[in-house]
Amino acid sequence: LEVTGSSGGGLVTVVLSGEKELKKLE
């Protein structure tokens, strides 16, 4: 499982694993 969180209208995006691990930061 991976979920994407974002803020600032997509200025910052994170991808978290189902195990709550940060997989990606844009």
PDB file of all heavy atoms in Angstrom:
ATOM      1  N   LEU A   1       0.824  -1.201   0.000  1.00  0.00           N
ATOM      2  CA  LEU A   1       0.000   0.000   0.000  1.00  0.00           C
ATOM      3  C   LEU A   1       0.860   1.254   0.000  1.00  0.00           C
ATOM      4  O   LEU A   1       1.861   1.334   0.714  1.00  0.00           O
ATOM      5  CB  LEU A   1      -0.903   0.015   1.238  1.00  0.00           C
ATOM      6  CG  LEU A   1      -1.752   1.271   1.449  1.00  0.00           C
ATOM      7  CD1 LEU A   1      -2.837   1.360   0.385  1.00  0.00           C
ATOM      8  CD2 LEU A   1      -2.357   1.271   2.833  1.00  0.00           C
ATOM      9  N   GLU A   2       0.490   2.204  -0.825  1.00  0.00           N
ATOM     10  CA  GLU A   2       1.122   3.516  -0.818  1.00  0.00           C
ATOM     11  C   GLU A   2       0.023   4.563  -0.930  1.00  0.00           C
ATOM     12  O   GLU A   2      -0.916   4.408  -1.699  1.00  0.00           O
ATOM     13  CB  GLU A   2       2.098   3.676  -1.983  1.00  0.00           C
ATOM     14  CG  GLU A   2       3.362   2.871  -1.832  1.00  0.00           C
ATOM     15  CD  GLU A   2       4.395   3.181  -2.904  1.00  0.00           C
ATOM     16  OE1 GLU A   2       4.079   3.837  -3.907  1.00  0.00           O
ATOM     17  OE2 GLU A   2       5.532   2.749  -2.727  1.00  0.00           O
ATOM     18  N   VAL A   3       0.134   5.604  -0.119  1.00  0.00           N
ATOM     19  CA  VAL A   3      -0.791   6.726  -0.205  1.00  0.00           C
ATOM     20  C   VAL A   3       0.009   7.991  -0.463  1.00  0.00           C
ATOM     21  O   VAL A   3       1.174   8.100  -0.084  1.00  0.00           O
ATOM     22  CB  VAL A   3      -1.651   6.898   1.075  1.00  0.00           C
ATOM     23  CG1 VAL A   3      -2.529   5.687   1.310  1.00  0.00           C
ATOM     24  CG2 VAL A   3      -0.803   7.188   2.286  1.00  0.00           C
ATOM     25  N   THR A   4      -0.635   8.937  -1.125  1.00  0.00           N
ATOM     26  CA  THR A   4       0.001  10.204  -1.441  1.00  0.00           C
ATOM     27  C   THR A   4      -0.677  11.308  -0.647  1.00  0.00           C
ATOM     28  O   THR A   4      -1.902  11.411  -0.648  1.00  0.00           O
ATOM     29  CB  THR A   4      -0.114  10.496  -2.949  1.00  0.00           C
ATOM     30  OG1 THR A   4       0.502   9.437  -3.677  1.00  0.00           O
ATOM     31  CG2 THR A   4       0.575  11.810  -3.303  1.00  0.00           C
ATOM     32  N   GLY A   5       0.122  12.082   0.041  1.00  0.00           N
ATOM     33  CA  GLY A   5      -0.365  13.248   0.760  1.00  0.00           C
ATOM     34  C   GLY A   5       0.230  14.483   0.115  1.00  0.00           C
ATOM     35  O   GLY A   5       1.335  14.437  -0.414  1.00  0.00           O
ATOM     36  N   SER A   6      -0.528  15.569   0.142  1.00  0.00           N
ATOM     37  CA  SER A   6       0.002  16.783  -0.462  1.00  0.00           C
ATOM     38  C   SER A   6      -0.475  18.009   0.305  1.00  0.00           C
ATOM     39  O   SER A   6      -1.408  17.929   1.109  1.00  0.00           O
ATOM     40  CB  SER A   6      -0.414  16.884  -1.927  1.00  0.00           C
ATOM     41  OG  SER A   6      -1.811  17.023  -2.031  1.00  0.00           O
ATOM     42  N   SER A   7       0.174  19.124   0.029  1.00  0.00           N
ATOM     43  CA  SER A   7      -0.204  20.400   0.646  1.00  0.00           C
ATOM     44  C   SER A   7       0.158  21.517  -0.313  1.00  0.00           C
ATOM     45  O   SER A   7       0.922  21.316  -1.264  1.00  0.00           O
ATOM     46  CB  SER A   7       0.481  20.585   1.995  1.00  0.00           C
ATOM     47  OG  SER A   7       1.874  20.721   1.833  1.00  0.00           O
ATOM     48  N   GLY A   8      -0.391  22.688  -0.013  1.00  0.00           N
ATOM     49  CA  GLY A   8      -0.080  23.847  -0.843  1.00  0.00           C
ATOM     50  C   GLY A   8      -0.523  23.681  -2.281  1.00  0.00           C
ATOM     51  O   GLY A   8       0.153  24.145  -3.194  1.00  0.00           O
ATOM     52  N   GLY A   9      -1.634  22.974  -2.476  1.00  0.00           N
ATOM     53  CA  GLY A   9      -2.111  22.769  -3.846  1.00  0.00           C
ATOM     54  C   GLY A   9      -1.156  21.943  -4.686  1.00  0.00           C
ATOM     55  O   GLY A   9      -1.043  22.136  -5.890  1.00  0.00           O
ATOM     56  N   GLY A  10      -0.462  21.012  -4.031  1.00  0.00           N
ATOM     57  CA  GLY A  10       0.467  20.139  -4.746  1.00  0.00           C
ATOM     58  C   GLY A  10       1.904  20.627  -4.770  1.00  0.00           C
ATOM     59  O   GLY A  10       2.750  20.028  -5.429  1.00  0.00           O
ATOM     60  N   LEU A  11       2.200  21.696  -4.035  1.00  0.00           N
ATOM     61  CA  LEU A  11       3.581  22.182  -3.990  1.00  0.00           C
ATOM     62  C   LEU A  11       4.500  21.184  -3.293  1.00  0.00           C
ATOM     63  O   LEU A  11       5.661  21.041  -3.661  1.00  0.00           O
ATOM     64  CB  LEU A  11       3.655  23.538  -3.287  1.00  0.00           C
ATOM     65  CG  LEU A  11       3.040  24.725  -4.033  1.00  0.00           C
ATOM     66  CD1 LEU A  11       3.063  25.969  -3.162  1.00  0.00           C
ATOM     67  CD2 LEU A  11       3.780  24.968  -5.344  1.00  0.00           C
ATOM     68  N   VAL A  12       3.967  20.520  -2.265  1.00  0.00           N
ATOM     69  CA  VAL A  12       4.722  19.483  -1.562  1.00  0.00           C
ATOM     70  C   VAL A  12       3.899  18.204  -1.600  1.00  0.00           C
ATOM     71  O   VAL A  12       2.710  18.207  -1.287  1.00  0.00           O
ATOM     72  CB  VAL A  12       5.023  19.884  -0.102  1.00  0.00           C
ATOM     73  CG1 VAL A  12       5.695  18.736   0.650  1.00  0.00           C
ATOM     74  CG2 VAL A  12       5.906  21.119  -0.050  1.00  0.00           C
ATOM     75  N   THR A  13       4.522  17.114  -2.016  1.00  0.00           N
ATOM     76  CA  THR A  13       3.859  15.818  -2.110  1.00  0.00           C
ATOM     77  C   THR A  13       4.724  14.772  -1.422  1.00  0.00           C
ATOM     78  O   THR A  13       5.949  14.759  -1.596  1.00  0.00           O
ATOM     79  CB  THR A  13       3.662  15.425  -3.590  1.00  0.00           C
ATOM     80  OG1 THR A  13       2.947  16.455  -4.248  1.00  0.00           O
ATOM     81  CG2 THR A  13       2.894  14.125  -3.717  1.00  0.00           C
ATOM     82  N   VAL A  14       4.073  13.911  -0.644  1.00  0.00           N
ATOM     83  CA  VAL A  14       4.771  12.798  -0.007  1.00  0.00           C
ATOM     84  C   VAL A  14       4.073  11.502  -0.384  1.00  0.00           C
ATOM     85  O   VAL A  14       2.870  11.479  -0.647  1.00  0.00           O
ATOM     86  CB  VAL A  14       4.815  12.934   1.538  1.00  0.00           C
ATOM     87  CG1 VAL A  14       5.573  14.165   1.962  1.00  0.00           C
ATOM     88  CG2 VAL A  14       3.427  12.921   2.142  1.00  0.00           C
ATOM     89  N   VAL A  15       4.835  10.435  -0.418  1.00  0.00           N
ATOM     90  CA  VAL A  15       4.281   9.099  -0.612  1.00  0.00           C
ATOM     91  C   VAL A  15       4.663   8.298   0.622  1.00  0.00           C
ATOM     92  O   VAL A  15       5.847   8.221   0.982  1.00  0.00           O
ATOM     93  CB  VAL A  15       4.818   8.423  -1.896  1.00  0.00           C
ATOM     94  CG1 VAL A  15       4.293   7.004  -2.020  1.00  0.00           C
ATOM     95  CG2 VAL A  15       4.454   9.246  -3.128  1.00  0.00           C
ATOM     96  N   LEU A  16       3.654   7.732   1.288  1.00  0.00           N
ATOM     97  CA  LEU A  16       3.866   6.927   2.493  1.00  0.00           C
ATOM     98  C   LEU A  16       3.482   5.487   2.209  1.00  0.00           C
ATOM     99  O   LEU A  16       2.509   5.223   1.505  1.00  0.00           O
ATOM    100  CB  LEU A  16       3.000   7.451   3.646  1.00  0.00           C
ATOM    101  CG  LEU A  16       3.201   8.900   4.062  1.00  0.00           C
ATOM    102  CD1 LEU A  16       2.158   9.291   5.105  1.00  0.00           C
ATOM    103  CD2 LEU A  16       4.592   9.102   4.616  1.00  0.00           C
ATOM    104  N   SER A  17       4.225   4.566   2.792  1.00  0.00           N
ATOM    105  CA  SER A  17       3.868   3.156   2.692  1.00  0.00           C
ATOM    106  C   SER A  17       2.782   2.848   3.713  1.00  0.00           C
ATOM    107  O   SER A  17       2.531   3.636   4.628  1.00  0.00           O
ATOM    108  CB  SER A  17       5.089   2.269   2.966  1.00  0.00           C
ATOM    109  OG  SER A  17       5.390   2.265   4.350  1.00  0.00           O
ATOM    110  N   GLY A  18       2.159   1.698   3.565  1.00  0.00           N
ATOM    111  CA  GLY A  18       1.162   1.254   4.523  1.00  0.00           C
ATOM    112  C   GLY A  18       1.741   1.046   5.904  1.00  0.00           C
ATOM    113  O   GLY A  18       1.017   0.961   6.886  1.00  0.00           O
ATOM    114  N   GLU A  19       3.055   0.962   5.971  1.00  0.00           N
ATOM    115  CA  GLU A  19       3.735   0.804   7.256  1.00  0.00           C
ATOM    116  C   GLU A  19       4.197   2.154   7.803  1.00  0.00           C
ATOM    117  O   GLU A  19       5.050   2.223   8.671  1.00  0.00           O
ATOM    118  CB  GLU A  19       4.909  -0.156   7.096  1.00  0.00           C
ATOM    119  CG  GLU A  19       4.421  -1.547   6.718  1.00  0.00           C
ATOM    120  CD  GLU A  19       5.556  -2.520   6.470  1.00  0.00           C
ATOM    121  OE1 GLU A  19       6.600  -2.125   5.923  1.00  0.00           O
ATOM    122  OE2 GLU A  19       5.364  -3.685   6.824  1.00  0.00           O
ATOM    123  N   LYS A  20       3.643   3.225   7.241  1.00  0.00           N
ATOM    124  CA  LYS A  20       3.889   4.598   7.687  1.00  0.00           C
ATOM    125  C   LYS A  20       5.324   5.068   7.458  1.00  0.00           C
ATOM    126  O   LYS A  20       5.840   5.928   8.159  1.00  0.00           O
ATOM    127  CB  LYS A  20       3.485   4.769   9.151  1.00  0.00           C
ATOM    128  CG  LYS A  20       2.031   4.475   9.398  1.00  0.00           C
ATOM    129  CD  LYS A  20       1.689   4.541  10.863  1.00  0.00           C
ATOM    130  CE  LYS A  20       0.219   4.336  11.095  1.00  0.00           C
ATOM    131  NZ  LYS A  20      -0.208   2.977  11.152  1.00  0.00           N
ATOM    132  N   GLU A  21       5.954   4.511   6.450  1.00  0.00           N
ATOM    133  CA  GLU A  21       7.323   4.891   6.107  1.00  0.00           C
ATOM    134  C   GLU A  21       7.287   5.893   4.951  1.00  0.00           C
ATOM    135  O   GLU A  21       6.545   5.703   3.983  1.00  0.00           O
ATOM    136  CB  GLU A  21       8.102   3.644   5.678  1.00  0.00           C
ATOM    137  CG  GLU A  21       9.510   3.914   5.218  1.00  0.00           C
ATOM    138  CD  GLU A  21      10.203   2.653   4.726  1.00  0.00           C
ATOM    139  OE1 GLU A  21       9.791   1.550   5.101  1.00  0.00           O
ATOM    140  OE2 GLU A  21      11.155   2.794   3.942  1.00  0.00           O
ATOM    141  N   LEU A  22       8.074   6.959   5.055  1.00  0.00           N
ATOM    142  CA  LEU A  22       8.174   7.941   3.986  1.00  0.00           C
ATOM    143  C   LEU A  22       8.937   7.311   2.827  1.00  0.00           C
ATOM    144  O   LEU A  22      10.093   6.928   2.968  1.00  0.00           O
ATOM    145  CB  LEU A  22       8.887   9.205   4.479  1.00  0.00           C
ATOM    146  CG  LEU A  22       9.088  10.308   3.449  1.00  0.00           C
ATOM    147  CD1 LEU A  22       7.752  10.850   2.968  1.00  0.00           C
ATOM    148  CD2 LEU A  22       9.944  11.418   4.028  1.00  0.00           C
ATOM    149  N   LYS A  23       8.260   7.197   1.678  1.00  0.00           N
ATOM    150  CA  LYS A  23       8.881   6.581   0.511  1.00  0.00           C
ATOM    151  C   LYS A  23       9.404   7.629  -0.469  1.00  0.00           C
ATOM    152  O   LYS A  23      10.365   7.384  -1.185  1.00  0.00           O
ATOM    153  CB  LYS A  23       7.874   5.683  -0.223  1.00  0.00           C
ATOM    154  CG  LYS A  23       7.315   4.553   0.618  1.00  0.00           C
ATOM    155  CD  LYS A  23       8.357   3.580   1.017  1.00  0.00           C
ATOM    156  CE  LYS A  23       8.309   2.359   0.155  1.00  0.00           C
ATOM    157  NZ  LYS A  23       9.330   1.401   0.423  1.00  0.00           N
ATOM    158  N   LYS A  24       8.718   8.792  -0.509  1.00  0.00           N
ATOM    159  CA  LYS A  24       9.091   9.799  -1.487  1.00  0.00           C
ATOM    160  C   LYS A  24       8.657  11.176  -0.992  1.00  0.00           C
ATOM    161  O   LYS A  24       7.609  11.315  -0.372  1.00  0.00           O
ATOM    162  CB  LYS A  24       8.398   9.484  -2.815  1.00  0.00           C
ATOM    163  CG  LYS A  24       8.821  10.313  -3.985  1.00  0.00           C
ATOM    164  CD  LYS A  24       8.132   9.792  -5.240  1.00  0.00           C
ATOM    165  CE  LYS A  24       8.641  10.513  -6.471  1.00  0.00           C
ATOM    166  NZ  LYS A  24       8.000  10.010  -7.689  1.00  0.00           N
ATOM    167  N   LEU A  25       9.464  12.164  -1.271  1.00  0.00           N
ATOM    168  CA  LEU A  25       9.155  13.558  -0.932  1.00  0.00           C
ATOM    169  C   LEU A  25       9.476  14.405  -2.151  1.00  0.00           C
ATOM    170  O   LEU A  25      10.593  14.361  -2.660  1.00  0.00           O
ATOM    171  CB  LEU A  25       9.990  14.018   0.266  1.00  0.00           C
ATOM    172  CG  LEU A  25       9.983  15.499   0.606  1.00  0.00           C
ATOM    173  CD1 LEU A  25       8.589  15.951   1.029  1.00  0.00           C
ATOM    174  CD2 LEU A  25      10.990  15.801   1.694  1.00  0.00           C
ATOM    175  N   GLU A  26       8.466  15.125  -2.648  1.00  0.00           N
ATOM    176  CA  GLU A  26       8.669  16.015  -3.789  1.00  0.00           C
ATOM    177  C   GLU A  26       8.337  17.437  -3.367  1.00  0.00           C
ATOM    178  O   GLU A  26       7.291  17.686  -2.771  1.00  0.00           O
ATOM    179  CB  GLU A  26       7.766  15.619  -4.953  1.00  0.00           C
ATOM    180  CG  GLU A  26       8.169  14.337  -5.638  1.00  0.00           C
ATOM    181  CD  GLU A  26       7.315  14.042  -6.864  1.00  0.00           C
ATOM    182  OE1 GLU A  26       6.731  14.982  -7.441  1.00  0.00           O
ATOM    183  OE2 GLU A  26       7.231  12.871  -7.226  1.00  0.00           O
TER     184      GLU A  26
END
